N, C-alpha and C. Protein backbone atom coordinates (compact mmCIF):
# COMPACT_ATOMS: atom_id res chain seq x y z
N MET A 1 12.59 -33.30 1.21
CA MET A 1 12.47 -31.99 0.78
C MET A 1 12.26 -31.75 -0.51
N LYS A 2 10.98 -31.02 -0.72
CA LYS A 2 10.40 -30.43 -2.20
C LYS A 2 10.77 -29.27 -2.49
N ASN A 3 11.88 -29.13 -3.21
CA ASN A 3 12.25 -27.90 -3.71
C ASN A 3 11.89 -27.47 -5.10
N ILE A 4 11.49 -26.15 -5.49
CA ILE A 4 11.23 -25.94 -6.60
C ILE A 4 11.86 -24.61 -7.03
N ILE A 5 12.36 -24.54 -8.27
CA ILE A 5 12.99 -23.52 -8.88
C ILE A 5 12.12 -22.86 -9.74
N LYS A 6 11.69 -21.39 -9.36
CA LYS A 6 10.75 -20.95 -10.54
C LYS A 6 11.52 -19.68 -11.18
N VAL A 7 11.44 -19.55 -12.32
CA VAL A 7 12.09 -18.29 -13.00
C VAL A 7 10.70 -17.62 -13.95
N SER A 8 10.49 -16.37 -13.46
CA SER A 8 9.56 -15.72 -14.24
C SER A 8 10.04 -14.64 -14.88
N ALA A 9 9.57 -14.09 -16.17
CA ALA A 9 10.08 -13.00 -16.84
C ALA A 9 8.77 -12.39 -17.43
N LEU A 10 8.56 -11.07 -17.03
CA LEU A 10 7.48 -10.22 -17.38
C LEU A 10 7.65 -9.91 -18.89
N ILE A 11 6.47 -9.98 -19.63
CA ILE A 11 6.64 -9.76 -21.00
C ILE A 11 6.37 -8.24 -21.13
N ILE A 12 5.17 -7.76 -20.75
CA ILE A 12 4.98 -6.39 -21.04
C ILE A 12 4.10 -5.92 -19.56
N SER A 13 4.37 -4.70 -18.94
CA SER A 13 3.65 -4.36 -17.94
C SER A 13 3.17 -3.06 -18.14
N SER A 14 1.88 -2.96 -18.25
CA SER A 14 1.18 -1.77 -18.64
C SER A 14 0.66 -0.85 -17.40
N SER A 15 1.00 0.35 -17.18
CA SER A 15 0.66 1.03 -16.09
C SER A 15 -0.75 1.94 -16.14
N PHE A 16 -1.27 2.06 -15.00
CA PHE A 16 -2.44 2.92 -14.87
C PHE A 16 -1.91 4.19 -14.94
N PHE A 17 -0.88 4.74 -14.80
CA PHE A 17 -0.06 5.88 -14.62
C PHE A 17 0.60 6.42 -16.21
N PHE A 18 0.87 7.62 -16.06
CA PHE A 18 1.88 8.15 -16.99
C PHE A 18 2.94 8.60 -16.04
N THR A 19 4.33 8.43 -16.77
CA THR A 19 5.50 8.84 -16.23
C THR A 19 6.37 9.65 -17.19
N SER A 20 7.20 9.96 -16.90
CA SER A 20 8.20 10.83 -17.83
C SER A 20 9.01 9.95 -18.49
N ALA A 21 8.89 8.53 -18.56
CA ALA A 21 9.98 7.54 -18.92
C ALA A 21 10.00 7.54 -20.31
N PHE A 22 11.19 7.55 -21.04
CA PHE A 22 11.16 7.26 -22.50
C PHE A 22 12.14 5.95 -22.51
N ALA A 23 12.47 5.67 -23.54
CA ALA A 23 13.06 4.31 -23.90
C ALA A 23 14.46 4.57 -23.57
N ASN A 24 15.13 5.85 -23.63
CA ASN A 24 16.50 6.09 -23.12
C ASN A 24 16.50 6.57 -21.73
N GLU A 25 15.53 6.79 -20.90
CA GLU A 25 15.38 7.42 -19.48
C GLU A 25 14.55 6.83 -18.76
N GLN A 26 14.78 6.11 -17.65
CA GLN A 26 14.10 5.56 -16.57
C GLN A 26 13.58 6.47 -15.87
N PRO A 27 12.32 6.06 -15.41
CA PRO A 27 11.63 6.95 -14.05
C PRO A 27 12.23 7.06 -13.14
N LYS A 28 12.22 8.20 -12.33
CA LYS A 28 12.64 8.57 -11.04
C LYS A 28 12.01 7.83 -9.99
N ALA A 29 12.31 7.28 -8.89
CA ALA A 29 11.67 6.64 -8.11
C ALA A 29 10.67 7.29 -7.28
N GLN A 30 10.79 8.60 -7.03
CA GLN A 30 9.77 9.42 -6.45
C GLN A 30 8.52 9.57 -7.42
N ASP A 31 8.66 9.44 -8.81
CA ASP A 31 7.57 9.63 -9.74
C ASP A 31 6.63 8.30 -9.69
N LEU A 32 7.19 7.09 -8.96
CA LEU A 32 6.52 6.14 -9.21
C LEU A 32 5.57 5.79 -7.98
N VAL A 33 5.91 6.52 -7.00
CA VAL A 33 5.17 6.32 -5.50
C VAL A 33 3.71 6.69 -5.80
N GLY A 34 2.97 5.67 -5.20
CA GLY A 34 1.54 5.90 -5.40
C GLY A 34 0.98 5.48 -6.63
N LYS A 35 1.70 4.82 -7.46
CA LYS A 35 1.13 4.30 -8.83
C LYS A 35 1.02 2.78 -8.89
N ALA A 36 0.09 2.34 -9.46
CA ALA A 36 -0.21 1.18 -9.80
C ALA A 36 0.09 0.61 -11.08
N TYR A 37 -0.12 -0.84 -11.39
CA TYR A 37 0.38 -1.24 -12.68
C TYR A 37 -0.21 -2.79 -12.77
N VAL A 38 -0.50 -3.23 -14.02
CA VAL A 38 -0.96 -4.59 -14.51
C VAL A 38 -0.11 -4.95 -15.26
N GLY A 39 0.26 -6.37 -15.24
CA GLY A 39 1.09 -6.93 -16.19
C GLY A 39 0.62 -8.49 -16.53
N GLY A 40 1.48 -8.98 -17.27
CA GLY A 40 1.38 -10.46 -17.75
C GLY A 40 2.84 -10.93 -17.52
N HIS A 41 2.84 -12.28 -17.57
CA HIS A 41 4.26 -13.01 -17.26
C HIS A 41 4.24 -14.68 -17.91
N LEU A 42 5.49 -14.89 -18.13
CA LEU A 42 5.73 -16.11 -18.35
C LEU A 42 6.65 -16.89 -17.36
N LEU A 43 6.54 -18.01 -17.27
CA LEU A 43 7.35 -18.73 -16.29
C LEU A 43 7.72 -20.21 -16.68
N ARG A 44 8.89 -20.43 -16.09
CA ARG A 44 9.59 -21.72 -16.25
C ARG A 44 9.98 -22.37 -14.78
N MET A 45 9.60 -23.66 -14.42
CA MET A 45 9.96 -24.22 -13.33
C MET A 45 10.60 -25.68 -13.41
N ASN A 46 11.44 -26.12 -12.50
CA ASN A 46 11.69 -27.25 -12.42
C ASN A 46 11.56 -27.96 -10.90
N THR A 47 11.14 -29.19 -10.93
CA THR A 47 10.79 -29.69 -9.72
C THR A 47 12.08 -30.83 -9.37
N ASP A 48 11.86 -31.18 -8.07
CA ASP A 48 12.87 -32.12 -7.64
C ASP A 48 12.06 -33.54 -7.95
N ASN A 49 13.08 -34.69 -7.78
CA ASN A 49 12.37 -36.10 -8.08
C ASN A 49 11.28 -36.41 -7.05
N ASP A 50 11.01 -35.84 -5.72
CA ASP A 50 10.26 -36.00 -4.83
C ASP A 50 8.75 -35.76 -5.30
N ARG A 51 8.51 -34.71 -6.24
CA ARG A 51 7.26 -34.60 -6.53
C ARG A 51 6.45 -35.24 -7.33
N LEU A 52 5.63 -36.15 -7.02
CA LEU A 52 4.66 -37.02 -7.82
C LEU A 52 3.28 -36.60 -8.12
N SER A 53 2.97 -36.97 -9.29
CA SER A 53 1.56 -36.58 -9.68
C SER A 53 0.51 -37.68 -9.32
N THR A 54 1.05 -39.10 -9.05
CA THR A 54 -0.15 -40.01 -8.31
C THR A 54 1.03 -40.60 -7.41
N SER A 55 0.13 -41.71 -6.63
CA SER A 55 1.18 -42.37 -5.74
C SER A 55 2.43 -43.35 -6.14
N ASN A 56 2.22 -43.51 -7.69
CA ASN A 56 3.15 -44.36 -8.24
C ASN A 56 4.42 -43.47 -8.16
N PRO A 57 5.67 -44.20 -7.68
CA PRO A 57 6.97 -43.54 -7.55
C PRO A 57 7.48 -43.01 -8.94
N LEU A 58 6.94 -43.72 -10.00
CA LEU A 58 7.49 -43.58 -11.45
C LEU A 58 6.63 -42.00 -12.07
N SER A 59 5.78 -41.59 -11.29
CA SER A 59 5.08 -40.66 -11.83
C SER A 59 5.57 -39.13 -11.41
N ASN A 60 6.75 -38.96 -11.26
CA ASN A 60 7.37 -37.87 -10.82
C ASN A 60 7.59 -36.68 -11.91
N ILE A 61 7.15 -35.51 -11.50
CA ILE A 61 7.03 -34.41 -12.26
C ILE A 61 8.32 -33.81 -12.74
N ASP A 62 8.29 -33.41 -13.88
CA ASP A 62 9.93 -33.00 -14.28
C ASP A 62 10.00 -31.56 -14.38
N HIS A 63 9.04 -30.92 -15.00
CA HIS A 63 9.10 -29.59 -15.07
C HIS A 63 7.75 -28.93 -15.47
N GLY A 64 7.60 -27.72 -15.50
CA GLY A 64 6.55 -26.79 -15.90
C GLY A 64 6.67 -25.53 -16.45
N SER A 65 5.80 -25.17 -17.15
CA SER A 65 5.86 -23.75 -17.94
C SER A 65 4.50 -23.30 -17.80
N GLY A 66 4.33 -21.84 -17.70
CA GLY A 66 3.05 -21.27 -17.66
C GLY A 66 3.08 -19.76 -17.96
N PHE A 67 1.97 -19.31 -17.51
CA PHE A 67 1.56 -17.78 -17.58
C PHE A 67 0.78 -17.07 -16.81
N GLY A 68 0.62 -16.06 -16.53
CA GLY A 68 0.02 -15.45 -15.55
C GLY A 68 -0.31 -13.85 -15.63
N GLY A 69 -0.86 -13.41 -14.52
CA GLY A 69 -0.97 -11.84 -14.31
C GLY A 69 -0.61 -11.32 -13.09
N GLU A 70 -0.49 -9.89 -13.10
CA GLU A 70 -0.02 -9.37 -11.72
C GLU A 70 -0.56 -8.00 -11.48
N LEU A 71 -0.67 -7.55 -10.31
CA LEU A 71 -0.92 -6.31 -9.90
C LEU A 71 0.03 -5.77 -9.06
N GLY A 72 0.58 -4.42 -9.13
CA GLY A 72 1.38 -3.88 -8.36
C GLY A 72 1.32 -2.55 -8.01
N TYR A 73 1.78 -2.23 -6.64
CA TYR A 73 1.70 -0.89 -6.15
C TYR A 73 2.97 -0.40 -5.37
N ARG A 74 3.43 0.76 -5.91
CA ARG A 74 4.59 1.22 -5.46
C ARG A 74 4.21 2.33 -4.16
N MET A 75 4.70 1.77 -3.09
CA MET A 75 4.32 2.33 -1.77
C MET A 75 5.28 3.52 -1.37
N THR A 76 6.56 3.14 -1.49
CA THR A 76 7.51 4.22 -1.20
C THR A 76 8.40 4.10 -2.41
N GLU A 77 9.50 5.13 -2.49
CA GLU A 77 10.70 4.96 -3.45
C GLU A 77 11.23 3.62 -3.48
N SER A 78 11.37 2.95 -2.46
CA SER A 78 12.15 1.69 -2.10
C SER A 78 11.26 0.52 -2.07
N THR A 79 10.05 0.72 -2.04
CA THR A 79 9.37 -0.69 -1.98
C THR A 79 7.86 -0.75 -2.65
N GLU A 80 7.44 -1.95 -3.10
CA GLU A 80 6.54 -2.26 -3.90
C GLU A 80 5.88 -3.31 -3.72
N PHE A 81 4.67 -3.34 -3.46
CA PHE A 81 3.84 -4.64 -3.31
C PHE A 81 3.28 -5.16 -4.70
N ARG A 82 3.22 -6.64 -4.88
CA ARG A 82 2.74 -7.28 -6.32
C ARG A 82 1.82 -8.57 -5.73
N LEU A 83 0.94 -8.47 -6.18
CA LEU A 83 0.13 -9.97 -6.31
C LEU A 83 -0.04 -10.54 -7.67
N SER A 84 0.25 -11.86 -7.86
CA SER A 84 0.36 -12.64 -9.15
C SER A 84 -0.47 -13.67 -9.09
N TYR A 85 -0.81 -14.19 -9.98
CA TYR A 85 -1.40 -15.45 -10.36
C TYR A 85 -0.91 -16.05 -11.55
N SER A 86 -0.49 -17.63 -11.36
CA SER A 86 -0.18 -18.06 -12.66
C SER A 86 -0.63 -19.63 -13.01
N LYS A 87 -1.00 -19.70 -14.06
CA LYS A 87 -1.40 -21.17 -14.73
C LYS A 87 -0.29 -21.81 -15.21
N ILE A 88 0.03 -23.08 -14.47
CA ILE A 88 1.15 -23.68 -14.84
C ILE A 88 0.77 -25.15 -15.65
N ASN A 89 1.45 -25.33 -16.55
CA ASN A 89 1.19 -26.83 -17.36
C ASN A 89 2.40 -27.41 -17.00
N LEU A 90 2.14 -29.05 -16.29
CA LEU A 90 3.26 -29.75 -15.86
C LEU A 90 3.47 -31.02 -16.78
N VAL A 91 4.85 -31.43 -16.77
CA VAL A 91 5.22 -32.07 -17.81
C VAL A 91 5.61 -33.51 -16.70
N ASN A 92 5.19 -34.73 -16.93
CA ASN A 92 5.78 -35.80 -16.17
C ASN A 92 7.18 -36.17 -16.81
N GLU A 93 7.99 -36.91 -15.99
CA GLU A 93 9.19 -37.27 -16.73
C GLU A 93 8.97 -38.61 -17.35
N ASN A 94 8.20 -39.33 -16.94
CA ASN A 94 7.83 -40.81 -17.63
C ASN A 94 6.52 -40.56 -18.45
N ASN A 95 6.27 -41.21 -19.58
CA ASN A 95 5.04 -41.31 -20.09
C ASN A 95 4.09 -41.99 -19.61
N GLY A 96 2.74 -41.90 -19.84
CA GLY A 96 1.74 -42.69 -19.15
C GLY A 96 1.27 -42.22 -18.00
N PHE A 97 1.52 -41.02 -17.47
CA PHE A 97 0.88 -40.21 -16.57
C PHE A 97 0.29 -39.16 -16.67
N ASN A 98 -0.71 -38.49 -16.29
CA ASN A 98 -1.20 -37.26 -16.65
C ASN A 98 -0.72 -36.37 -15.55
N ALA A 99 -0.36 -35.27 -15.90
CA ALA A 99 0.11 -34.43 -15.06
C ALA A 99 -0.91 -33.63 -14.46
N PRO A 100 -1.18 -33.15 -13.22
CA PRO A 100 -2.35 -32.58 -12.67
C PRO A 100 -2.51 -31.03 -13.11
N ASN A 101 -3.60 -30.31 -13.04
CA ASN A 101 -3.56 -28.93 -13.13
C ASN A 101 -3.11 -28.21 -12.17
N SER A 102 -2.51 -27.22 -12.28
CA SER A 102 -1.27 -26.50 -11.52
C SER A 102 -1.49 -25.04 -11.49
N SER A 103 -1.32 -24.29 -10.35
CA SER A 103 -1.59 -22.79 -10.25
C SER A 103 -0.37 -22.38 -9.17
N SER A 104 -0.54 -21.01 -9.13
CA SER A 104 0.45 -20.58 -8.12
C SER A 104 -0.07 -19.12 -8.11
N ALA A 105 -0.19 -18.70 -6.64
CA ALA A 105 -0.73 -17.30 -6.21
C ALA A 105 0.29 -16.88 -5.33
N ALA A 106 0.98 -15.45 -5.53
CA ALA A 106 1.80 -14.91 -4.80
C ALA A 106 1.56 -13.73 -4.11
N ALA A 107 1.95 -13.23 -3.03
CA ALA A 107 2.06 -11.78 -2.47
C ALA A 107 3.39 -11.61 -2.10
N GLU A 108 3.77 -10.57 -2.91
CA GLU A 108 5.36 -10.24 -2.69
C GLU A 108 5.46 -8.92 -2.43
N LEU A 109 6.94 -8.78 -1.71
CA LEU A 109 7.23 -7.09 -1.39
C LEU A 109 8.44 -7.05 -2.37
N LEU A 110 8.67 -6.16 -3.12
CA LEU A 110 10.19 -5.67 -3.59
C LEU A 110 10.72 -4.69 -3.22
N ILE A 111 11.81 -4.80 -2.90
CA ILE A 111 12.74 -3.83 -2.25
C ILE A 111 13.71 -3.24 -3.43
N PHE A 112 13.92 -1.88 -3.53
CA PHE A 112 14.75 -1.24 -4.59
C PHE A 112 15.91 -0.71 -3.95
N PRO A 113 16.99 -1.43 -3.47
CA PRO A 113 17.93 -0.87 -2.60
C PRO A 113 18.44 0.68 -3.03
N THR A 114 18.59 0.69 -4.31
CA THR A 114 19.49 1.89 -4.74
C THR A 114 18.12 2.82 -5.42
N GLN A 115 16.96 2.31 -5.08
CA GLN A 115 15.88 3.22 -5.81
C GLN A 115 15.97 3.30 -7.41
N GLN A 116 16.55 2.39 -7.94
CA GLN A 116 16.75 2.21 -9.22
C GLN A 116 15.99 0.66 -9.99
N ASN A 117 16.40 0.33 -11.01
CA ASN A 117 15.89 -0.88 -11.71
C ASN A 117 16.20 -2.29 -10.96
N PHE A 118 17.12 -2.44 -10.18
CA PHE A 118 17.46 -3.75 -9.50
C PHE A 118 16.78 -3.67 -8.18
N TYR A 119 16.17 -5.03 -7.96
CA TYR A 119 15.34 -5.31 -6.90
C TYR A 119 15.58 -6.68 -6.22
N VAL A 120 15.21 -6.57 -4.70
CA VAL A 120 15.26 -7.76 -4.15
C VAL A 120 13.76 -8.16 -3.94
N VAL A 121 13.30 -9.38 -4.21
CA VAL A 121 11.85 -9.74 -3.90
C VAL A 121 11.72 -10.98 -3.03
N GLY A 122 10.87 -10.87 -2.22
CA GLY A 122 10.33 -12.03 -1.17
C GLY A 122 8.88 -11.80 -1.09
N GLY A 123 8.37 -12.93 -0.73
CA GLY A 123 7.00 -13.06 -0.25
C GLY A 123 6.42 -14.31 -0.06
N LEU A 124 5.20 -14.56 0.09
CA LEU A 124 4.42 -15.81 0.18
C LEU A 124 3.90 -16.51 -1.14
N ASP A 125 4.01 -17.73 -1.48
CA ASP A 125 3.54 -18.23 -2.52
C ASP A 125 2.50 -19.51 -2.12
N TYR A 126 1.58 -19.45 -2.77
CA TYR A 126 0.69 -20.71 -2.68
C TYR A 126 0.63 -21.49 -3.96
N LEU A 127 1.46 -22.79 -4.09
CA LEU A 127 1.81 -23.41 -5.35
C LEU A 127 0.89 -24.82 -4.96
N ASP A 128 0.05 -24.89 -5.98
CA ASP A 128 -1.06 -25.98 -6.19
C ASP A 128 -0.43 -26.98 -7.32
N ILE A 129 0.52 -28.12 -6.83
CA ILE A 129 0.88 -29.09 -7.61
C ILE A 129 0.58 -30.03 -6.88
N VAL A 130 -0.37 -31.06 -7.32
CA VAL A 130 -1.16 -32.24 -6.59
C VAL A 130 -1.57 -31.89 -5.26
N GLU A 131 -1.16 -31.05 -4.48
CA GLU A 131 -1.59 -30.61 -3.19
C GLU A 131 -1.03 -29.17 -3.06
N THR A 132 -1.94 -28.19 -2.48
CA THR A 132 -1.60 -26.83 -2.33
C THR A 132 -0.34 -26.79 -1.11
N GLU A 133 0.67 -26.01 -1.33
CA GLU A 133 1.73 -25.86 -0.32
C GLU A 133 1.95 -24.50 -0.19
N ALA A 134 2.17 -24.01 0.94
CA ALA A 134 2.75 -22.49 1.06
C ALA A 134 4.06 -22.47 0.91
N SER A 135 4.75 -21.65 0.30
CA SER A 135 6.38 -21.46 0.54
C SER A 135 6.69 -19.99 0.57
N VAL A 136 8.16 -19.83 0.93
CA VAL A 136 8.47 -18.46 0.95
C VAL A 136 9.45 -18.42 -0.27
N ASP A 137 8.96 -17.15 -0.84
CA ASP A 137 9.88 -16.94 -2.10
C ASP A 137 11.00 -15.83 -1.62
N LEU A 138 12.22 -15.92 -2.61
CA LEU A 138 13.17 -14.99 -2.25
C LEU A 138 13.93 -14.92 -3.73
N GLY A 139 14.14 -13.72 -4.16
CA GLY A 139 14.77 -13.79 -5.50
C GLY A 139 15.32 -12.16 -5.85
N LEU A 140 15.88 -12.15 -7.13
CA LEU A 140 16.44 -11.01 -7.58
C LEU A 140 15.91 -10.73 -8.79
N GLY A 141 15.53 -9.29 -9.24
CA GLY A 141 15.12 -9.00 -10.32
C GLY A 141 15.56 -7.69 -10.99
N TYR A 142 15.37 -7.41 -12.26
CA TYR A 142 15.63 -6.12 -12.77
C TYR A 142 14.50 -5.60 -13.83
N ARG A 143 14.25 -4.54 -13.75
CA ARG A 143 13.01 -3.97 -14.34
C ARG A 143 13.57 -2.97 -15.27
N HIS A 144 13.24 -2.91 -16.57
CA HIS A 144 13.72 -1.87 -17.51
C HIS A 144 12.32 -1.34 -18.37
N TYR A 145 12.28 0.21 -18.18
CA TYR A 145 11.09 0.52 -19.14
C TYR A 145 11.43 0.96 -20.42
N LEU A 146 10.56 0.47 -21.23
CA LEU A 146 10.72 0.52 -22.46
C LEU A 146 10.02 1.91 -23.01
N SER A 147 9.07 2.34 -22.28
CA SER A 147 8.35 3.73 -22.68
C SER A 147 7.67 4.12 -21.49
N GLU A 148 6.96 5.35 -21.65
CA GLU A 148 6.24 5.44 -20.36
C GLU A 148 4.99 4.80 -20.03
N LYS A 149 4.63 3.79 -20.56
CA LYS A 149 3.40 3.04 -20.35
C LYS A 149 3.93 1.48 -20.28
N SER A 150 5.16 1.11 -20.57
CA SER A 150 5.41 -0.24 -20.46
C SER A 150 6.84 -0.75 -19.80
N ALA A 151 7.04 -1.71 -19.24
CA ALA A 151 8.50 -2.29 -18.88
C ALA A 151 8.62 -3.59 -19.25
N VAL A 152 9.63 -4.12 -19.11
CA VAL A 152 10.07 -5.48 -18.85
C VAL A 152 10.92 -5.90 -17.67
N TYR A 153 10.82 -7.03 -17.21
CA TYR A 153 11.61 -7.65 -16.20
C TYR A 153 11.93 -8.89 -16.18
N PHE A 154 13.16 -9.38 -15.71
CA PHE A 154 13.64 -10.42 -15.41
C PHE A 154 14.25 -10.99 -14.05
C-alpha cells in the first residue's frame, strides 16, 4: 500500500472581501457566506518505502516539500469549498537517483462543525509522484484571522 502523509500550512490568505475581523476579533460565520479568497501555502510530506522514482528498488523517495496556491469559497455558515495546486520537490533516500517533478491538485470540502475556526476537511487529491494517482484526503484544521484581509491556518 502506498501511504503518504501530507501536512500543509497556509502562510497568508488574502480575501476578495472585507469583513469586520480584527486581530482580536474573528469574523462571524454568517459574514463569510458568499465570500471568496485566494491564498498561498507550504507543505511537507513523507512517503512510504514503496514509492520509487525508478524501477531500481534503491530509488525510494523519502520525503518532499513544496508550495502552492488555492482558491476558496464559503457556501454556507458551516461549509466551504477549496481548490488547491502544489508544486512538490522530492528527495530520494539514497544518492544517485534523480527525484521526479511532482505536483498535487485537490478539490476539498471544509466543514466547520461549530461555525468557528476549527474545521474538518475531506476531498479528492490528484498526486503526481512518478505516476498520477487519485486519493481521498481527510484532515483537521484551524484558521485564525490576523486582520480583516488575512488569515493563517494549520
